[in-house]
């Protein structure tokens, strides 16, 4: 799962990596949250374009978005078969630029946030999907979701899922919905190499969406479990806990 991410690279650096023809100007964002605008790269008429979409995909067949579940993530393994995502997998694949993302690890004393970013810095390319929803009056809104895969060995102690990250040489294959079928595109969605990312514990300030500055990514000490908490975890319950951000 991915429920928060960051894009602090300059517009010029992002454009240089993805090669789109637009000239967007956007501010550094340290705490991008669901329902907020996110930048995507998509292919239109043979050229890469930059666009803004709302984070939380709404399929075109939805009658009332207000009553529809907020789809911020899609499982790469099953998206092509799910009614909410299968059209986008075939026709509306995109890339979401990011400087890194946040994930929460469940501990005996609560949830410890981690800032996860490339070891060598720079921008990562998260595989995504987009869709256009139209209302009865003809108004339109573009929305999007991130694709996730099983965690690699680095991520597994923190969370069992992670964003699907693409290498630059796979950008065109993923974006080319005209010539590349879904089965071939899905083969690109796999856990990134174990040495590609690093994770550092950060403060709980990231939990609040109004906090949006570089201090969110400063390393802090992980909070140790208290004796009482350790005692309570002596008999763990079965099942896998799910992350609840909100």
Protein backbone atom coordinates (compact mmCIF):
# COMPACT_ATOMS: atom_id res chain seq x y z
CA UNK A 1 0.00 0.00 0.00
CA UNK A 2 1.08 3.57 -0.56
CA UNK A 3 -0.90 6.34 1.11
CA UNK A 4 1.52 9.28 1.06
CA UNK A 5 4.41 10.30 -1.14
CA UNK A 6 6.62 13.26 -1.98
CA UNK A 7 7.85 15.07 -5.07
CA UNK A 8 10.53 17.63 -4.30
CA UNK A 9 12.57 17.44 -7.51
CA UNK A 10 12.58 20.52 -9.72
CA UNK A 11 10.26 20.65 -12.75
CA UNK A 12 13.34 20.63 -14.99
CA UNK A 13 14.73 17.46 -13.37
CA UNK A 14 11.40 15.65 -13.69
CA UNK A 15 11.01 16.69 -17.32
CA UNK A 16 14.56 15.57 -18.11
CA UNK A 17 13.85 12.06 -16.82
CA UNK A 18 10.46 11.52 -18.42
CA UNK A 19 10.85 13.48 -21.62
CA UNK A 20 7.35 14.96 -21.91
CA UNK A 21 6.72 17.94 -24.17
CA UNK A 22 4.96 20.14 -21.60
CA UNK A 23 6.56 22.81 -19.39
CA UNK A 24 4.75 22.45 -16.04
CA UNK A 25 5.78 24.49 -13.04
CA UNK A 26 5.00 22.89 -9.70
CA UNK A 27 6.18 23.45 -6.11
CA UNK A 28 8.04 20.97 -3.95
CA UNK A 29 5.59 18.75 -2.06
CA UNK A 30 6.66 16.74 0.98
CA UNK A 31 3.35 15.16 1.99
CA UNK A 32 1.06 14.39 -0.95
CA UNK A 33 -2.16 12.75 0.25
CA UNK A 34 -5.20 11.05 -1.32
CA UNK A 35 -7.77 13.35 -3.01
CA UNK A 36 -5.02 15.90 -3.73
CA UNK A 37 -3.72 16.63 -7.27
CA UNK A 38 -0.81 14.47 -8.38
CA UNK A 39 1.36 14.77 -11.47
CA UNK A 40 1.33 11.94 -13.98
CA UNK A 41 3.09 11.18 -17.24
CA UNK A 42 0.99 9.60 -20.00
CA UNK A 43 1.28 9.00 -23.73
CA UNK A 44 -0.99 10.89 -26.12
CA UNK A 45 -0.74 10.70 -29.91
CA UNK A 46 2.72 9.20 -29.68
CA UNK A 47 4.12 11.84 -27.32
CA UNK A 48 4.61 11.92 -23.57
CA UNK A 49 2.53 14.51 -21.77
CA UNK A 50 2.40 15.78 -18.18
CA UNK A 51 -1.01 16.09 -16.52
CA UNK A 52 -2.59 16.62 -13.10
CA UNK A 53 -5.16 14.18 -11.81
CA UNK A 54 -6.93 13.70 -8.49
CA UNK A 55 -5.42 10.90 -6.41
CA UNK A 56 -8.26 8.39 -6.04
CA UNK A 57 -9.41 6.66 -9.22
CA UNK A 58 -13.07 6.88 -10.23
CA UNK A 59 -14.01 4.57 -13.13
CA UNK A 60 -16.12 6.08 -15.87
CA UNK A 61 -19.11 3.83 -15.09
CA UNK A 62 -19.54 5.18 -11.53
CA UNK A 63 -22.83 7.03 -11.04
CA UNK A 64 -22.01 8.95 -7.86
CA UNK A 65 -18.33 9.45 -6.95
CA UNK A 66 -19.31 10.68 -3.49
CA UNK A 67 -20.59 7.21 -2.62
CA UNK A 68 -17.76 5.31 -4.33
CA UNK A 69 -14.78 3.86 -2.46
CA UNK A 70 -11.60 5.93 -2.76
CA UNK A 71 -9.25 3.81 -4.89
CA UNK A 72 -5.75 5.14 -4.27
CA UNK A 73 -3.97 1.82 -4.91
CA UNK A 74 -4.52 -1.15 -7.23
CA UNK A 75 -2.89 -4.57 -6.85
CA UNK A 76 -0.74 -5.21 -9.91
CA UNK A 77 -1.49 -8.94 -9.81
CA UNK A 78 -5.25 -8.51 -10.24
CA UNK A 79 -5.87 -5.03 -11.67
CA UNK A 80 -6.39 -6.32 -15.22
CA UNK A 81 -9.31 -8.45 -14.01
CA UNK A 82 -10.97 -5.98 -11.64
CA UNK A 83 -13.96 -4.00 -13.00
CA UNK A 84 -12.61 -0.78 -11.46
CA UNK A 85 -9.20 -1.03 -13.14
CA UNK A 86 -9.32 -3.28 -16.22
CA UNK A 87 -10.20 -0.50 -18.69
CA UNK A 88 -7.40 1.70 -17.36
CA UNK A 89 -4.94 -1.20 -17.53
CA UNK A 90 -5.75 -1.54 -21.21
CA UNK A 91 -6.08 2.09 -22.25
CA UNK A 92 -4.91 4.47 -19.49
CA UNK A 93 -1.54 3.49 -18.07
CA UNK A 94 0.64 6.24 -16.62
CA UNK A 95 3.69 6.97 -14.50
CA UNK A 96 3.62 8.96 -11.26
CA UNK A 97 6.91 10.80 -10.56
CA UNK A 98 8.00 10.87 -6.92
CA UNK A 99 11.04 11.59 -4.79
CA UNK A 100 9.99 8.81 -2.44
CA UNK A 101 7.07 7.59 -0.37
CA UNK A 102 6.05 7.00 3.23
CA UNK A 103 5.03 3.73 4.83
CA UNK A 104 3.92 2.88 8.34
CA UNK A 105 5.18 -0.12 10.28
CA UNK A 106 2.91 -1.46 12.99
CA UNK A 107 4.74 -1.75 16.31
CA UNK A 108 3.61 -2.69 19.84
CA UNK A 109 3.37 1.03 20.65
CA UNK A 110 1.61 2.14 17.48
CA UNK A 111 2.66 2.92 13.93
CA UNK A 112 6.16 4.08 13.06
CA UNK A 113 6.36 6.09 9.81
CA UNK A 114 9.30 5.56 7.45
CA UNK A 115 10.53 7.76 4.60
CA UNK A 116 11.53 5.50 1.71
CA UNK A 117 13.62 6.97 -1.11
CA UNK A 118 16.26 5.97 -3.69
CA UNK A 119 19.67 5.21 -2.25
CA UNK A 120 21.26 7.35 -4.94
CA UNK A 121 18.63 10.09 -4.79
CA UNK A 122 16.71 11.40 -7.76
CA UNK A 123 13.19 10.66 -8.97
CA UNK A 124 11.39 7.31 -8.94
CA UNK A 125 8.75 6.28 -11.47
CA UNK A 126 5.73 4.67 -9.84
CA UNK A 127 3.44 2.78 -12.21
CA UNK A 128 -0.10 4.12 -12.18
CA UNK A 129 -3.50 4.16 -13.85
CA UNK A 130 -5.79 7.03 -14.71
CA UNK A 131 -9.43 7.43 -15.71
CA UNK A 132 -11.79 10.20 -16.79
CA UNK A 133 -15.13 10.54 -15.03
CA UNK A 134 -17.93 12.65 -16.57
CA UNK A 135 -20.98 14.04 -14.79
CA UNK A 136 -24.47 14.45 -16.25
CA UNK A 137 -23.71 18.02 -17.30
CA UNK A 138 -20.60 17.07 -19.27
CA UNK A 139 -18.05 18.11 -16.67
CA UNK A 140 -14.97 15.90 -16.51
CA UNK A 141 -12.33 15.06 -13.94
CA UNK A 142 -9.22 12.92 -14.39
CA UNK A 143 -8.36 10.66 -11.48
CA UNK A 144 -5.57 8.18 -10.79
CA UNK A 145 -4.26 5.34 -8.65
CA UNK A 146 -0.88 3.74 -7.91
CA UNK A 147 -0.12 0.11 -8.66
CA UNK A 148 1.40 -1.98 -5.88
CA UNK A 149 3.34 -5.24 -5.74
CA UNK A 150 4.65 -7.56 -3.03
CA UNK A 151 7.33 -5.96 -0.88
CA UNK A 152 10.96 -6.72 -1.61
CA UNK A 153 13.30 -7.89 1.15
CA UNK A 154 14.13 -4.33 2.18
CA UNK A 155 10.47 -3.30 2.52
CA UNK A 156 9.05 -6.52 3.98
CA UNK A 157 9.86 -5.72 7.65
CA UNK A 158 7.93 -2.45 7.26
CA UNK A 159 4.95 -3.47 5.11
CA UNK A 160 3.95 -6.37 2.88
CA UNK A 161 3.19 -4.15 -0.18
CA UNK A 162 5.06 -1.42 -2.03
CA UNK A 163 4.58 0.73 -5.15
CA UNK A 164 5.52 -0.83 -8.49
CA UNK A 165 8.60 1.15 -9.59
CA UNK A 166 9.67 1.22 -13.23
CA UNK A 167 13.18 1.58 -14.66
CA UNK A 168 13.67 4.27 -17.32
CA UNK A 169 14.16 1.72 -20.09
CA UNK A 170 10.64 0.37 -19.43
CA UNK A 171 8.84 3.73 -19.56
CA UNK A 172 7.83 3.52 -23.21
CA UNK A 173 6.63 -0.07 -22.97
CA UNK A 174 4.42 0.75 -20.00
CA UNK A 175 3.00 3.94 -21.49
CA UNK A 176 2.39 2.57 -24.99
CA UNK A 177 -1.18 1.35 -24.64
CA UNK A 178 -1.64 1.28 -28.43
CA UNK A 179 0.97 -1.35 -29.25
CA UNK A 180 1.73 -3.06 -25.94
CA UNK A 181 -0.96 -5.46 -24.63
CA UNK A 182 -1.82 -5.70 -20.96
CA UNK A 183 -0.13 -9.09 -20.51
CA UNK A 184 3.19 -7.67 -21.66
CA UNK A 185 2.84 -4.49 -19.61
CA UNK A 186 2.01 -6.43 -16.43
CA UNK A 187 5.35 -8.24 -16.68
CA UNK A 188 7.03 -4.93 -15.83
CA UNK A 189 5.28 -4.75 -12.46
CA UNK A 190 7.55 -6.45 -9.96
CA UNK A 191 9.35 -5.56 -6.73
CA UNK A 192 12.29 -3.24 -7.28
CA UNK A 193 15.79 -4.51 -6.47
CA UNK A 194 16.58 -4.72 -2.76
CA UNK A 195 19.41 -2.19 -2.94
CA UNK A 196 17.45 0.46 -4.88
CA UNK A 197 15.64 2.03 -1.91
CA UNK A 198 16.49 2.96 1.65
CA UNK A 199 14.14 3.46 4.60
CA UNK A 200 14.64 5.82 7.55
CA UNK A 201 12.28 6.27 10.50
CA UNK A 202 10.71 9.72 10.66
CA UNK A 203 8.48 11.58 13.08
CA UNK A 204 4.72 11.24 13.28
CA UNK A 205 4.36 14.77 11.90
CA UNK A 206 3.77 13.18 8.50
CA UNK A 207 0.47 11.77 9.80
CA UNK A 208 -1.08 15.24 9.57
CA UNK A 209 -1.74 16.25 5.97
CA UNK A 210 -1.29 19.96 6.69
CA UNK A 211 2.36 19.34 7.57
CA UNK A 212 4.26 19.74 4.30
CA UNK A 213 7.93 20.64 4.69
CA UNK A 214 11.34 18.99 4.52
CA UNK A 215 11.44 18.25 8.25
CA UNK A 216 9.05 15.36 7.58
CA UNK A 217 11.92 13.46 5.95
CA UNK A 218 14.48 13.98 8.71
CA UNK A 219 15.55 10.77 10.40
CA UNK A 220 14.55 10.19 13.99
CA UNK A 221 14.99 7.34 16.43
CA UNK A 222 12.43 4.56 16.33
CA UNK A 223 10.30 4.48 19.45
CA UNK A 224 11.14 1.39 21.55
CA UNK A 225 8.33 -0.80 22.80
CA UNK A 226 7.42 -0.29 26.46
CA UNK A 227 7.53 -3.26 28.88
CA UNK A 228 3.74 -3.20 29.07
CA UNK A 229 3.43 -3.23 25.28
CA UNK A 230 5.84 -6.14 25.01
CA UNK A 231 3.80 -8.05 27.53
CA UNK A 232 0.66 -7.43 25.53
CA UNK A 233 2.25 -8.83 22.39
CA UNK A 234 3.29 -12.11 24.02
CA UNK A 235 0.24 -13.80 22.48
CA UNK A 236 -0.16 -12.26 19.03
CA UNK A 237 -3.49 -12.52 17.31
CA UNK A 238 -3.72 -14.34 14.00
CA UNK A 239 -4.09 -12.58 10.66
CA UNK A 240 -2.26 -9.75 8.99
CA UNK A 241 -2.81 -6.21 10.16
CA UNK A 242 -3.73 -3.66 7.55
CA UNK A 243 -2.46 -0.11 7.52
CA UNK A 244 -5.06 2.52 8.44
CA UNK A 245 -3.87 6.02 7.66
CA UNK A 246 -7.02 7.98 8.27
